[in-house]
Each structure stands twice: as structure tokens, then as C-alpha cells.
């Protein structure tokens, strides 16, 4: 036997085993995002990194077609149709509005949703345990009590709180799924909610002026990805008016919002890569249960609290997972 043949036999089995563990084809993912890339960069990086650990590496066996609506939900349907026309293997859709646009564009290409508040109520899936169609993934809240917990934390922080302002995005289909639960929670806490519709930067000044006239004492930002895009301006306006704020996104607290009670976006978006991997390897979305978050983080921006003259109670500080100083 020739030496090179012997070497091949020695190396062939391990090499074949290693190659068998790697995806053999080039997969194409459509990433349909409502906000800007900048506003969710850490989550996207975690998603790509997690895919790499699962064997899917951009530039080698993976192509990701990114589409960014820049906070304008009206652009999503056309972008979804474009991805469908490209015949991507799977569409990843962070935010409920993106998932709805993708679902309306295709009933056959698998869709991995991230963050919709109530995917059953929005018509994205038939059931969390048995989605039953071409959509699966993760949902933003474990139930309808997330907003109630946020309101409770605000009231603990501001004992005299009675009037809470809310920014809501009328173009976000997920909002209607949140409103009823929020109003029930507010009533139980003896709080009144005062709404201002904001779907873009132009509406922020009007919204804050309206809340000033209504003498709101704190601002709750509903879980709309629109506000991730606007987070720096929202934080600046709130600090200028010395208005305490609560958000559903850690990234908004980093930008200057006073408090956040939410999931860790980096972990959650990264985890959704597991759904993509299983689908690319042959799993059917209809058989993959929708995952709900089990852990939420309380994050406090102590710098913002000091700037607006709010003393965070020791009991609330002690429960914080992170305090930005």
C-alpha cells in the first residue's frame, strides 16, 4: 500500500465524521426587521454568533438577507414579498408586525418569529404548544401580566403615582393585545392611563406636550420595537421634563430610560437561532412549540433617576439585576 493511501485511510474516517457534522449546503435566511440595525445590533450579533456555534457560518455555508424597515412598519409587507421571491429557506421576523408581514407573504416558507406579544391573539399561530402552520419561534411575554408588573414597579418607586402616560404605536398590530391587560392592571393599582399615539420621531414632541397637559407623573413605553429606534430622543425628552420612565427593553435603559423590566434581548434573540438551525435540518415549524420567556430583568439607570430627582427606594434597588451608575 502506498504511503499516501495509508495516510488517507488513517485520516479518512475522522475527516468524514467531522464533515458529516457540518451542514453540507449553503442556507439562505431572510432577516425581516422592523427597527434599525443600530438599535438591535447586540441581538443580531448574538443571533449570528449562535448560528455559528450550530455550524452555520456567514460566508461559508450561510447567507443572511437583511431587510430593515427603519421603524416604518408600512415598508415590511414589500420587504417580506421580496424575501419570498428570493426563495429564502427561512424568514426570521423580530417583532409582531414583521411576523405578520411575513405570514401574509407566504404560507409555505418557515417563519421564526421573535417577540410578538400574543402570537395566538395576533393569528400567527393556532396554539403555543402546537403552532400548526409555517410560523414558530418565541413570544415576548409569558402572559398578559408584564405591563402590570411594570406598573407595579413604577408605583413602588413613586408612591404618590396616580397618572401614567403611555406611548402607543397605532401601526403596531401587537398593541391591541396589550391594551386590555394594561388597563385591568392599572385599575387594580388605582392608576389612570393616558395615551399618546406615536409612530415616528415627528410625533414625540406632541406626545410629551399632551402628557404635560394631562399632568402625567410617569411614562410607560409599550413593547413596540418602534421605540427602540427612538430611544435616545425619548430618554432626552423625558429627562428634560423630569419624567420617570419604564420600558420593556434593556437597550432603552442603556440609552437613558430610568427603568426597565424585560427579557434580555441578546439572550432571547440568540436563542432563536436554535429554531432556525432545526428548521434548516428538516424540522417543521408546525411541530415546534413556541417558547415563552421564563426570566425577566429589572434594570435601573441610577444616573437618569438622579438627573430627574427620583430617589429609587432601597427595596426596589435591592431587587435590580443591574444598576447603571
Protein backbone atom coordinates (compact mmCIF):
# COMPACT_ATOMS: atom_id res chain seq x y z
CA UNK A 1 0.00 0.00 0.00
CA UNK A 2 1.32 3.44 -0.91
CA UNK A 3 2.15 5.80 1.94
CA UNK A 4 -0.35 8.42 0.82
CA UNK A 5 -3.10 5.77 0.62
CA UNK A 6 -2.30 4.63 4.13
CA UNK A 7 -2.41 8.24 5.33
CA UNK A 8 -5.78 8.70 3.67
CA UNK A 9 -7.16 5.64 5.42
CA UNK A 10 -5.88 6.88 8.75
CA UNK A 11 -7.36 10.34 8.28
CA UNK A 12 -10.39 9.44 6.23
CA UNK A 13 -12.73 8.25 8.99
CA UNK A 14 -12.12 11.19 11.36
CA UNK A 15 -12.32 13.63 8.48
CA UNK A 16 -15.53 12.12 7.19
CA UNK A 17 -17.03 12.24 10.68
CA UNK A 18 -16.08 15.90 11.05
CA UNK A 19 -17.55 16.78 7.68
CA UNK A 20 -20.74 14.91 8.50
CA UNK A 21 -21.29 17.19 11.49
CA UNK A 22 -21.27 20.28 9.29
CA UNK A 23 -24.20 21.42 7.12
CA UNK A 24 -23.40 20.40 3.54
CA UNK A 25 -25.32 23.13 1.73
CA UNK A 26 -25.49 26.90 1.67
CA UNK A 27 -28.58 28.09 3.52
CA UNK A 28 -30.26 31.43 2.85
CA UNK A 29 -32.05 33.25 5.68
CA UNK A 30 -34.24 36.31 5.31
CA UNK A 31 -33.99 38.63 8.33
CA UNK A 32 -37.02 40.95 8.31
CA UNK A 33 -36.64 43.62 10.99
CA UNK A 34 -38.93 46.47 11.96
CA UNK A 35 -36.38 48.73 13.72
CA UNK A 36 -32.97 49.94 12.56
CA UNK A 37 -29.97 47.65 12.70
CA UNK A 38 -28.21 50.02 15.09
CA UNK A 39 -31.00 49.72 17.65
CA UNK A 40 -30.79 45.92 17.81
CA UNK A 41 -27.15 45.33 16.88
CA UNK A 42 -26.30 43.35 20.01
CA UNK A 43 -29.20 40.99 19.45
CA UNK A 44 -28.30 40.46 15.79
CA UNK A 45 -24.68 39.76 16.74
CA UNK A 46 -25.84 37.19 19.31
CA UNK A 47 -28.09 35.56 16.71
CA UNK A 48 -25.26 35.26 14.15
CA UNK A 49 -22.81 34.02 16.79
CA UNK A 50 -25.25 31.36 17.99
CA UNK A 51 -25.83 30.17 14.42
CA UNK A 52 -22.06 29.80 14.04
CA UNK A 53 -21.84 27.56 17.08
CA UNK A 54 -24.53 25.40 15.47
CA UNK A 55 -22.48 25.07 12.28
CA UNK A 56 -23.98 27.86 10.14
CA UNK A 57 -21.33 30.44 9.29
CA UNK A 58 -21.86 33.51 7.11
CA UNK A 59 -19.62 33.43 4.06
CA UNK A 60 -19.16 29.68 4.25
CA UNK A 61 -22.50 27.87 4.28
CA UNK A 62 -24.87 30.67 5.21
CA UNK A 63 -26.20 33.81 3.52
CA UNK A 64 -28.37 36.24 5.50
CA UNK A 65 -30.52 38.66 3.52
CA UNK A 66 -31.18 41.57 5.87
CA UNK A 67 -34.13 43.88 5.38
CA UNK A 68 -34.50 46.87 7.74
CA UNK A 69 -37.76 48.84 7.84
CA UNK A 70 -36.06 51.62 9.84
CA UNK A 71 -39.04 51.78 12.23
CA UNK A 72 -41.59 52.18 9.42
CA UNK A 73 -43.99 49.22 9.59
CA UNK A 74 -45.56 50.13 6.23
CA UNK A 75 -42.35 49.01 4.49
CA UNK A 76 -42.49 45.48 5.90
CA UNK A 77 -45.02 43.84 3.50
CA UNK A 78 -42.98 44.73 0.39
CA UNK A 79 -39.78 43.58 2.07
CA UNK A 80 -41.42 40.29 3.05
CA UNK A 81 -42.58 39.71 -0.52
CA UNK A 82 -39.07 40.42 -1.75
CA UNK A 83 -37.62 37.75 0.55
CA UNK A 84 -40.27 35.28 -0.58
CA UNK A 85 -39.40 35.98 -4.22
CA UNK A 86 -35.76 35.21 -3.39
CA UNK A 87 -36.89 31.78 -2.14
CA UNK A 88 -35.08 32.01 1.18
CA UNK A 89 -35.10 28.86 3.30
CA UNK A 90 -36.50 30.58 6.38
CA UNK A 91 -37.60 34.08 7.38
CA UNK A 92 -36.61 35.43 10.80
CA UNK A 93 -39.08 38.09 11.93
CA UNK A 94 -38.29 40.05 15.10
CA UNK A 95 -41.44 41.90 16.30
CA UNK A 96 -45.07 41.05 15.75
CA UNK A 97 -45.54 43.42 12.82
CA UNK A 98 -42.66 41.77 10.95
CA UNK A 99 -44.01 38.29 11.65
CA UNK A 100 -47.46 39.32 10.39
CA UNK A 101 -45.97 40.77 7.21
CA UNK A 102 -44.03 37.57 6.61
CA UNK A 103 -47.06 35.36 7.27
CA UNK A 104 -49.16 37.40 4.85
CA UNK A 105 -46.45 36.99 2.21
CA UNK A 106 -46.06 33.20 2.45
CA UNK A 107 -47.81 30.14 3.82
CA UNK A 108 -45.00 27.75 2.89
CA UNK A 109 -41.63 29.25 3.80
CA UNK A 110 -40.90 28.66 7.52
CA UNK A 111 -41.02 31.77 9.70
CA UNK A 112 -39.22 32.14 13.03
CA UNK A 113 -40.89 34.96 14.95
CA UNK A 114 -39.27 36.81 17.84
CA UNK A 115 -41.05 38.99 20.41
CA UNK A 116 -44.72 39.15 19.35
CA UNK A 117 -46.73 39.87 22.49
CA UNK A 118 -49.58 37.44 21.83
CA UNK A 119 -48.94 35.30 18.73
CA UNK A 120 -52.18 33.37 19.19
CA UNK A 121 -54.27 36.53 19.52
CA UNK A 122 -52.49 38.04 16.52
CA UNK A 123 -53.29 34.99 14.40
CA UNK A 124 -49.66 34.00 13.89
CA UNK A 125 -50.05 30.52 15.40
CA UNK A 126 -53.01 28.35 16.37
CA UNK A 127 -51.56 27.33 19.72
CA UNK A 128 -48.28 27.87 21.57
CA UNK A 129 -47.62 24.15 22.02
CA UNK A 130 -48.79 23.18 18.54
CA UNK A 131 -48.38 26.17 16.16
CA UNK A 132 -49.95 24.24 13.29
CA UNK A 133 -48.65 26.30 10.35
CA UNK A 134 -45.43 27.72 8.96
CA UNK A 135 -44.74 30.01 11.95
CA UNK A 136 -42.98 29.23 15.23
CA UNK A 137 -40.38 30.86 17.47
CA UNK A 138 -40.55 32.90 20.63
CA UNK A 139 -43.06 35.23 22.23
CA UNK A 140 -42.37 38.40 24.19
CA UNK A 141 -44.42 37.79 27.32
CA UNK A 142 -45.31 34.76 29.44
CA UNK A 143 -48.87 36.02 29.66
CA UNK A 144 -50.74 39.27 29.88
CA UNK A 145 -49.27 40.47 33.16
CA UNK A 146 -45.96 42.00 32.01
CA UNK A 147 -47.41 45.51 31.85
CA UNK A 148 -49.00 45.01 35.27
CA UNK A 149 -45.62 44.19 36.79
CA UNK A 150 -44.10 47.25 35.15
CA UNK A 151 -46.87 49.46 36.56
CA UNK A 152 -46.44 47.92 39.99
CA UNK A 153 -42.69 48.64 39.94
CA UNK A 154 -43.40 52.23 38.93
CA UNK A 155 -45.84 52.64 41.79
CA UNK A 156 -43.36 51.15 44.28
CA UNK A 157 -40.75 53.58 43.04
CA UNK A 158 -43.14 56.55 43.03
CA UNK A 159 -45.53 56.02 45.97
CA UNK A 160 -47.73 59.00 45.03
CA UNK A 161 -48.16 57.83 41.46
CA UNK A 162 -51.69 58.17 40.09
CA UNK A 163 -51.44 59.22 36.42
CA UNK A 164 -49.32 57.27 33.95
CA UNK A 165 -48.69 58.35 30.39
CA UNK A 166 -48.26 55.81 27.63
CA UNK A 167 -46.83 55.99 24.15
CA UNK A 168 -48.62 53.62 21.80
CA UNK A 169 -48.00 52.91 18.15
CA UNK A 170 -51.27 52.59 16.20
CA UNK A 171 -49.43 50.86 13.33
CA UNK A 172 -48.20 48.06 15.61
CA UNK A 173 -50.67 45.18 15.44
CA UNK A 174 -49.47 43.85 18.77
CA UNK A 175 -50.63 46.89 20.69
CA UNK A 176 -54.29 45.89 20.85
CA UNK A 177 -53.20 42.64 22.51
CA UNK A 178 -51.57 44.60 25.33
CA UNK A 179 -54.08 47.36 25.98
CA UNK A 180 -56.82 45.41 27.75
CA UNK A 181 -54.40 43.73 30.16
CA UNK A 182 -52.70 47.04 30.92
CA UNK A 183 -55.97 48.80 31.68
CA UNK A 184 -57.06 46.00 34.03
CA UNK A 185 -53.73 46.14 35.85
CA UNK A 186 -53.88 49.92 36.10
CA UNK A 187 -57.39 49.80 37.57
CA UNK A 188 -56.26 47.29 40.21
CA UNK A 189 -53.39 49.62 41.16
CA UNK A 190 -55.70 52.69 41.14
CA UNK A 191 -53.77 54.25 38.27
CA UNK A 192 -55.19 56.08 35.27
CA UNK A 193 -53.60 55.62 31.85
CA UNK A 194 -53.26 58.50 29.39
CA UNK A 195 -52.40 57.61 25.80
CA UNK A 196 -50.46 59.43 23.11
CA UNK A 197 -50.08 57.88 19.66
CA UNK A 198 -46.52 57.92 18.33
CA UNK A 199 -45.36 56.02 15.27
CA UNK A 200 -42.34 58.14 14.32
CA UNK A 201 -39.96 60.80 15.65
CA UNK A 202 -42.19 63.64 14.49
CA UNK A 203 -44.88 62.65 16.98
CA UNK A 204 -42.71 62.64 20.10
CA UNK A 205 -42.80 66.37 20.89
CA UNK A 206 -46.59 66.41 20.53
CA UNK A 207 -46.92 63.35 22.74
CA UNK A 208 -44.82 64.82 25.54
CA UNK A 209 -46.73 68.11 25.30
CA UNK A 210 -50.02 66.22 25.57
CA UNK A 211 -48.79 64.30 28.62
CA UNK A 212 -47.68 67.54 30.24
CA UNK A 213 -51.18 68.98 29.83
CA UNK A 214 -52.62 65.79 31.32
CA UNK A 215 -50.20 66.07 34.27
CA UNK A 216 -48.88 62.53 33.97
CA UNK A 217 -46.33 61.60 36.61
CA UNK A 218 -44.52 58.77 34.80
CA UNK A 219 -44.27 57.30 31.32
CA UNK A 220 -44.68 53.63 30.39
CA UNK A 221 -43.41 52.59 26.97
CA UNK A 222 -45.35 49.70 25.49
CA UNK A 223 -43.39 46.85 23.95
CA UNK A 224 -43.17 48.23 20.43
CA UNK A 225 -39.91 47.98 18.52
CA UNK A 226 -40.64 51.47 17.13
CA UNK A 227 -39.44 52.91 20.42
CA UNK A 228 -36.11 51.13 20.18
CA UNK A 229 -35.38 53.31 17.16
CA UNK A 230 -36.48 56.43 19.05
CA UNK A 231 -34.96 55.50 22.41
CA UNK A 232 -32.33 58.24 22.64
CA UNK A 233 -34.80 61.02 21.83
CA UNK A 234 -37.45 59.62 24.18
CA UNK A 235 -34.92 59.46 27.01
CA UNK A 236 -33.71 63.00 26.34
CA UNK A 237 -37.23 64.43 26.30
CA UNK A 238 -38.17 62.58 29.49
CA UNK A 239 -35.05 63.77 31.33
CA UNK A 240 -35.66 67.32 30.14
CA UNK A 241 -39.17 67.18 31.60
CA UNK A 242 -38.04 65.23 34.70
CA UNK A 243 -40.47 62.46 33.85
CA UNK A 244 -39.73 58.94 35.23
CA UNK A 245 -39.86 56.26 32.56
CA UNK A 246 -40.32 52.47 32.37
CA UNK A 247 -39.54 50.33 29.33
CA UNK A 248 -39.75 46.74 28.10
CA UNK A 249 -36.24 46.77 26.60
CA UNK A 250 -32.84 46.78 28.32
CA UNK A 251 -31.42 48.76 25.38
CA UNK A 252 -33.71 51.67 26.24
CA UNK A 253 -32.44 51.81 29.81
CA UNK A 254 -28.89 51.90 28.45
CA UNK A 255 -29.98 54.92 26.37
CA UNK A 256 -31.29 56.83 29.42
CA UNK A 257 -34.74 55.46 30.24
CA UNK A 258 -34.99 55.30 34.05
CA UNK A 259 -36.15 51.70 34.48
CA UNK A 260 -36.76 48.56 32.51
CA UNK A 261 -38.46 45.30 33.33
CA UNK A 262 -37.94 42.99 30.40
CA UNK A 263 -36.29 39.95 28.93
CA UNK A 264 -32.63 40.03 27.96
CA UNK A 265 -32.88 40.70 24.22
CA UNK A 266 -29.37 39.45 23.46
CA UNK A 267 -30.04 36.08 25.08
CA UNK A 268 -33.51 35.72 23.61
CA UNK A 269 -32.66 36.68 20.03
CA UNK A 270 -29.58 34.50 20.20
CA UNK A 271 -31.66 31.59 21.43
CA UNK A 272 -34.00 31.89 18.45
CA UNK A 273 -31.11 30.70 16.28
CA UNK A 274 -31.87 27.23 17.60
CA UNK A 275 -35.22 27.31 15.82
CA UNK A 276 -33.53 28.30 12.57
CA UNK A 277 -30.98 25.50 12.92
CA UNK A 278 -33.65 22.86 13.48
CA UNK A 279 -35.70 24.08 10.52
CA UNK A 280 -32.67 24.10 8.23
CA UNK A 281 -32.04 20.50 9.28
CA UNK A 282 -35.58 19.43 8.39
CA UNK A 283 -37.84 20.18 11.37
CA UNK A 284 -41.33 21.51 10.65
CA UNK A 285 -42.47 24.78 12.29
CA UNK A 286 -45.91 23.26 12.90
CA UNK A 287 -44.32 20.72 15.26
CA UNK A 288 -42.11 23.18 17.19
CA UNK A 289 -43.67 24.69 20.30
CA UNK A 290 -43.45 28.46 20.78
CA UNK A 291 -41.09 29.37 23.60
CA UNK A 292 -42.04 31.84 26.31
CA UNK A 293 -39.53 33.72 28.46
CA UNK A 294 -39.10 32.48 31.99
CA UNK A 295 -36.78 35.18 33.35
CA UNK A 296 -37.14 38.93 33.35
CA UNK A 297 -34.57 41.50 34.39
CA UNK A 298 -35.10 44.67 36.39
CA UNK A 299 -32.57 47.24 35.21
CA UNK A 300 -32.31 50.71 36.75
CA UNK A 301 -30.48 53.71 35.33
CA UNK A 302 -29.37 55.44 38.54
CA UNK A 303 -27.84 58.31 36.56
CA UNK A 304 -31.20 59.12 35.00
CA UNK A 305 -33.00 58.81 38.34
CA UNK A 306 -30.56 61.28 39.91
CA UNK A 307 -30.88 63.67 36.97
CA UNK A 308 -34.67 63.90 37.34
CA UNK A 309 -34.64 63.90 41.14
CA UNK A 310 -36.08 60.43 41.80
CA UNK A 311 -34.78 58.50 44.80
CA UNK A 312 -35.13 54.80 43.99
CA UNK A 313 -36.37 53.03 47.15
CA UNK A 314 -33.83 50.61 48.69
CA UNK A 315 -36.26 47.72 48.32
CA UNK A 316 -36.53 48.29 44.56
CA UNK A 317 -32.78 48.75 44.19
CA UNK A 318 -32.15 45.51 46.06
CA UNK A 319 -34.24 43.59 43.51
CA UNK A 320 -32.48 45.06 40.49
CA UNK A 321 -30.49 42.70 38.29
CA UNK A 322 -28.35 45.61 37.14
CA UNK A 323 -27.93 49.24 38.13
CA UNK A 324 -26.36 51.68 35.67
CA UNK A 325 -24.39 54.25 37.66
